[in-house]
Amino acid sequence: MDYFVHETAVIDDGCNIKAGAKIWHFCHIMPGCTINEGCNIGQNCVVFPNVVLGKNVKVQNNVSIYEGVICEDDVFLGPSMVFTNVTNPRSGVNRRGQYSRTKVGKGASIGANATIVCGHDIGQYAFIGAGAVVTKTVPDYALVVGNPAKQIGWMSEYGHRLEFNSEGIATCKESGQEYRFTENKAVIRIK
């Protein structure tokens, strides 16, 4: 075994766990899920069947990742954040197999106690503030906060808020990467 599993974790048969992954205390990893290289799953987490975690995904404590969720590489899931997978759950109505898909783009961060309502994708390098309730799709590089979540700005790939000049260019203060605000109100990295 070329990955670490704490002795209190439960790993069901049929999981695809790659090298360098770490699974900590009291986790349950269900069959059919994929956990790629370098993932770190904090304590008291559940990964449901058919979930895909890309390389280097960091899952903090107390997160349940329900069927229908796909996280691309380098995603950060903050402590006690929540995914849903059914928009109209009822205890007396079986909706298995009707799960909505939610994709979290490469490098995105979801803050502590945020809720992602299913069927709404999170763009690459987006930043979801702590406690936000996401009820619609979030664009690449967007910074969203609140309940319901509203976009209040743009973030760099290094997680710094971008300030655009009059020519629509912003520079990340840590990496020096440059970004352009486009005519269709999107942000792209230009170098």
Protein backbone atom coordinates (compact mmCIF):
# COMPACT_ATOMS: atom_id res chain seq x y z
CA MET A 1 0.00 0.00 0.00
CA ASP A 2 1.58 3.30 -1.11
CA TYR A 3 -0.87 5.59 0.70
CA PHE A 4 -1.62 6.18 4.40
CA VAL A 5 -4.84 5.15 6.15
CA HIS A 6 -5.34 5.78 9.88
CA GLU A 7 -6.35 2.65 11.80
CA THR A 8 -9.80 4.12 12.63
CA ALA A 9 -10.69 4.81 8.97
CA VAL A 10 -12.95 2.44 7.01
CA ILE A 11 -11.98 1.79 3.40
CA ASP A 12 -14.55 -0.24 1.44
CA ASP A 13 -13.52 -2.67 -1.28
CA GLY A 14 -13.54 -1.17 -4.75
CA CYS A 15 -11.98 2.21 -3.95
CA ASN A 16 -9.31 3.59 -6.25
CA ILE A 17 -6.77 5.28 -3.97
CA LYS A 18 -3.52 6.51 -5.51
CA ALA A 19 0.02 6.91 -4.18
CA GLY A 20 0.71 9.51 -1.52
CA ALA A 21 -2.90 9.96 -0.42
CA LYS A 22 -3.52 10.33 3.33
CA ILE A 23 -6.80 9.37 5.01
CA TRP A 24 -7.11 10.33 8.67
CA HIS A 25 -9.17 9.42 11.77
CA PHE A 26 -12.76 8.17 11.53
CA CYS A 27 -13.12 8.55 7.75
CA HIS A 28 -15.27 6.32 5.55
CA ILE A 29 -14.23 5.86 1.93
CA MET A 30 -16.98 4.12 -0.08
CA PRO A 31 -16.68 1.82 -3.10
CA GLY A 32 -16.27 3.24 -6.59
CA CYS A 33 -14.69 6.52 -5.57
CA THR A 34 -11.32 7.74 -6.89
CA ILE A 35 -8.82 9.52 -4.66
CA ASN A 36 -5.81 10.65 -6.69
CA GLU A 37 -2.15 11.25 -5.83
CA GLY A 38 -1.33 13.49 -2.91
CA CYS A 39 -4.88 13.94 -1.58
CA ASN A 40 -5.23 14.60 2.13
CA ILE A 41 -8.56 13.76 3.79
CA GLY A 42 -8.91 15.13 7.32
CA GLN A 43 -10.68 13.39 10.17
CA ASN A 44 -14.38 12.50 10.24
CA CYS A 45 -14.92 12.73 6.47
CA VAL A 46 -17.00 10.56 4.15
CA VAL A 47 -16.33 10.08 0.44
CA PHE A 48 -19.38 8.54 -1.28
CA PRO A 49 -19.41 6.17 -4.29
CA ASN A 50 -18.34 7.52 -7.68
CA VAL A 51 -16.84 10.72 -6.25
CA VAL A 52 -13.62 11.76 -8.01
CA LEU A 53 -10.92 13.74 -6.21
CA GLY A 54 -8.15 15.00 -8.50
CA LYS A 55 -4.50 15.24 -7.53
CA ASN A 56 -3.54 17.13 -4.36
CA VAL A 57 -7.11 17.78 -3.13
CA LYS A 58 -7.14 18.91 0.50
CA VAL A 59 -10.27 17.94 2.45
CA GLN A 60 -10.42 19.45 5.93
CA ASN A 61 -12.21 17.88 8.92
CA ASN A 62 -15.95 17.02 8.93
CA VAL A 63 -16.66 17.11 5.18
CA SER A 64 -19.03 14.72 3.39
CA ILE A 65 -18.46 14.49 -0.35
CA TYR A 66 -21.65 13.06 -1.84
CA GLU A 67 -22.14 11.10 -5.03
CA GLY A 68 -22.19 13.45 -8.01
CA VAL A 69 -19.23 15.58 -6.88
CA ILE A 70 -16.05 15.85 -8.93
CA CYS A 71 -13.11 17.88 -7.66
CA GLU A 72 -10.33 18.67 -10.12
CA ASP A 73 -6.66 18.96 -9.10
CA ASP A 74 -5.53 21.22 -6.23
CA VAL A 75 -9.01 21.89 -4.77
CA PHE A 76 -9.27 22.98 -1.12
CA LEU A 77 -12.41 21.99 0.85
CA GLY A 78 -12.55 23.91 4.14
CA PRO A 79 -13.61 22.51 7.52
CA SER A 80 -17.27 21.46 7.76
CA MET A 81 -18.19 22.74 4.29
CA VAL A 82 -21.22 21.02 2.77
CA PHE A 83 -22.10 19.57 -0.63
CA THR A 84 -25.66 18.54 -1.48
CA ASN A 85 -26.69 16.14 -4.24
CA VAL A 86 -30.51 16.37 -4.37
CA THR A 87 -32.36 19.68 -4.76
CA ASN A 88 -35.65 18.50 -3.26
CA PRO A 89 -34.91 15.81 -0.65
CA ARG A 90 -37.73 14.04 1.17
CA SER A 91 -37.29 11.24 3.66
CA GLY A 92 -40.26 9.33 2.24
CA VAL A 93 -39.25 9.69 -1.43
CA ASN A 94 -36.35 7.64 -2.81
CA ARG A 95 -34.30 9.78 -5.20
CA ARG A 96 -31.28 7.50 -5.53
CA GLY A 97 -29.90 7.70 -9.01
CA GLN A 98 -31.26 11.23 -9.45
CA TYR A 99 -28.21 12.95 -8.00
CA SER A 100 -27.18 16.26 -9.53
CA ARG A 101 -23.57 16.70 -10.59
CA THR A 102 -21.32 19.38 -9.14
CA LYS A 103 -17.83 20.01 -10.54
CA VAL A 104 -15.26 21.99 -8.57
CA GLY A 105 -12.63 23.40 -10.93
CA LYS A 106 -8.86 23.14 -10.61
CA GLY A 107 -7.37 25.19 -7.78
CA ALA A 108 -10.71 26.35 -6.34
CA SER A 109 -11.04 26.96 -2.58
CA ILE A 110 -14.24 26.52 -0.58
CA GLY A 111 -14.20 28.12 2.87
CA ALA A 112 -15.22 26.68 6.22
CA ASN A 113 -18.96 26.03 6.70
CA ALA A 114 -19.83 27.00 3.11
CA THR A 115 -22.69 25.15 1.41
CA ILE A 116 -22.67 24.22 -2.27
CA VAL A 117 -26.18 23.51 -3.56
CA CYS A 118 -25.90 20.70 -6.12
CA GLY A 119 -25.90 21.27 -9.84
CA HIS A 120 -23.87 24.48 -9.64
CA ASP A 121 -20.27 24.18 -10.79
CA ILE A 122 -17.42 26.08 -9.17
CA GLY A 123 -14.96 27.56 -11.67
CA GLN A 124 -11.20 27.13 -11.72
CA TYR A 125 -9.39 29.10 -9.00
CA ALA A 126 -12.70 30.45 -7.65
CA PHE A 127 -12.76 31.37 -3.97
CA ILE A 128 -15.89 30.66 -1.91
CA GLY A 129 -15.86 32.59 1.37
CA ALA A 130 -16.48 30.96 4.74
CA GLY A 131 -20.19 30.39 5.40
CA ALA A 132 -21.27 31.24 1.84
CA VAL A 133 -24.30 29.47 0.37
CA VAL A 134 -23.72 28.89 -3.34
CA THR A 135 -27.00 28.71 -5.30
CA LYS A 136 -25.68 29.32 -8.83
CA THR A 137 -22.66 28.52 -10.97
CA VAL A 138 -19.48 30.39 -9.99
CA PRO A 139 -17.12 31.64 -12.76
CA ASP A 140 -13.37 30.98 -12.94
CA TYR A 141 -11.37 33.24 -10.55
CA ALA A 142 -14.53 34.63 -8.90
CA LEU A 143 -14.66 35.63 -5.22
CA VAL A 144 -18.11 34.95 -3.74
CA VAL A 145 -19.42 35.48 -0.19
CA GLY A 146 -22.70 35.58 1.70
CA ASN A 147 -26.10 33.88 1.76
CA PRO A 148 -27.02 33.59 -1.02
CA ALA A 149 -23.47 33.91 -2.32
CA LYS A 150 -22.77 36.98 -4.41
CA GLN A 151 -19.65 37.77 -6.38
CA ILE A 152 -17.66 40.66 -4.88
CA GLY A 153 -14.42 40.40 -6.84
CA TRP A 154 -11.79 38.26 -8.50
CA MET A 155 -8.92 36.15 -7.14
CA SER A 156 -5.52 35.14 -8.47
CA GLU A 157 -4.34 31.54 -8.71
CA TYR A 158 -2.34 32.23 -5.52
CA GLY A 159 -5.47 33.29 -3.62
CA HIS A 160 -5.05 37.08 -3.61
CA ARG A 161 -7.77 39.56 -4.50
CA LEU A 162 -7.17 41.16 -7.89
CA GLU A 163 -7.39 44.93 -8.39
CA PHE A 164 -7.76 45.88 -12.06
CA ASN A 165 -6.32 49.09 -13.51
CA SER A 166 -8.08 51.30 -16.07
CA GLU A 167 -6.79 49.05 -18.86
CA GLY A 168 -8.39 45.96 -17.28
CA ILE A 169 -5.09 44.41 -16.11
CA ALA A 170 -4.31 43.14 -12.60
CA THR A 171 -1.12 41.66 -11.14
CA CYS A 172 -1.02 39.10 -8.33
CA LYS A 173 1.03 40.61 -5.52
CA GLU A 174 2.62 37.25 -4.64
CA SER A 175 3.28 35.54 -7.96
CA GLY A 176 3.52 38.49 -10.35
CA GLN A 177 1.07 36.71 -12.69
CA GLU A 178 -1.01 39.09 -14.80
CA TYR A 179 -4.74 38.82 -15.43
CA ARG A 180 -7.07 40.57 -17.88
CA PHE A 181 -10.70 41.49 -17.35
CA THR A 182 -12.41 40.63 -20.67
CA GLU A 183 -15.33 42.26 -22.45
CA ASN A 184 -17.63 39.40 -21.48
CA LYS A 185 -16.92 40.04 -17.79
CA ALA A 186 -14.57 37.13 -17.24
CA VAL A 187 -10.99 36.99 -16.00
CA ILE A 188 -8.16 35.20 -17.78
CA ARG A 189 -4.51 34.83 -16.86
CA ILE A 190 -2.29 36.39 -19.52
CA LYS A 191 1.17 35.61 -18.08
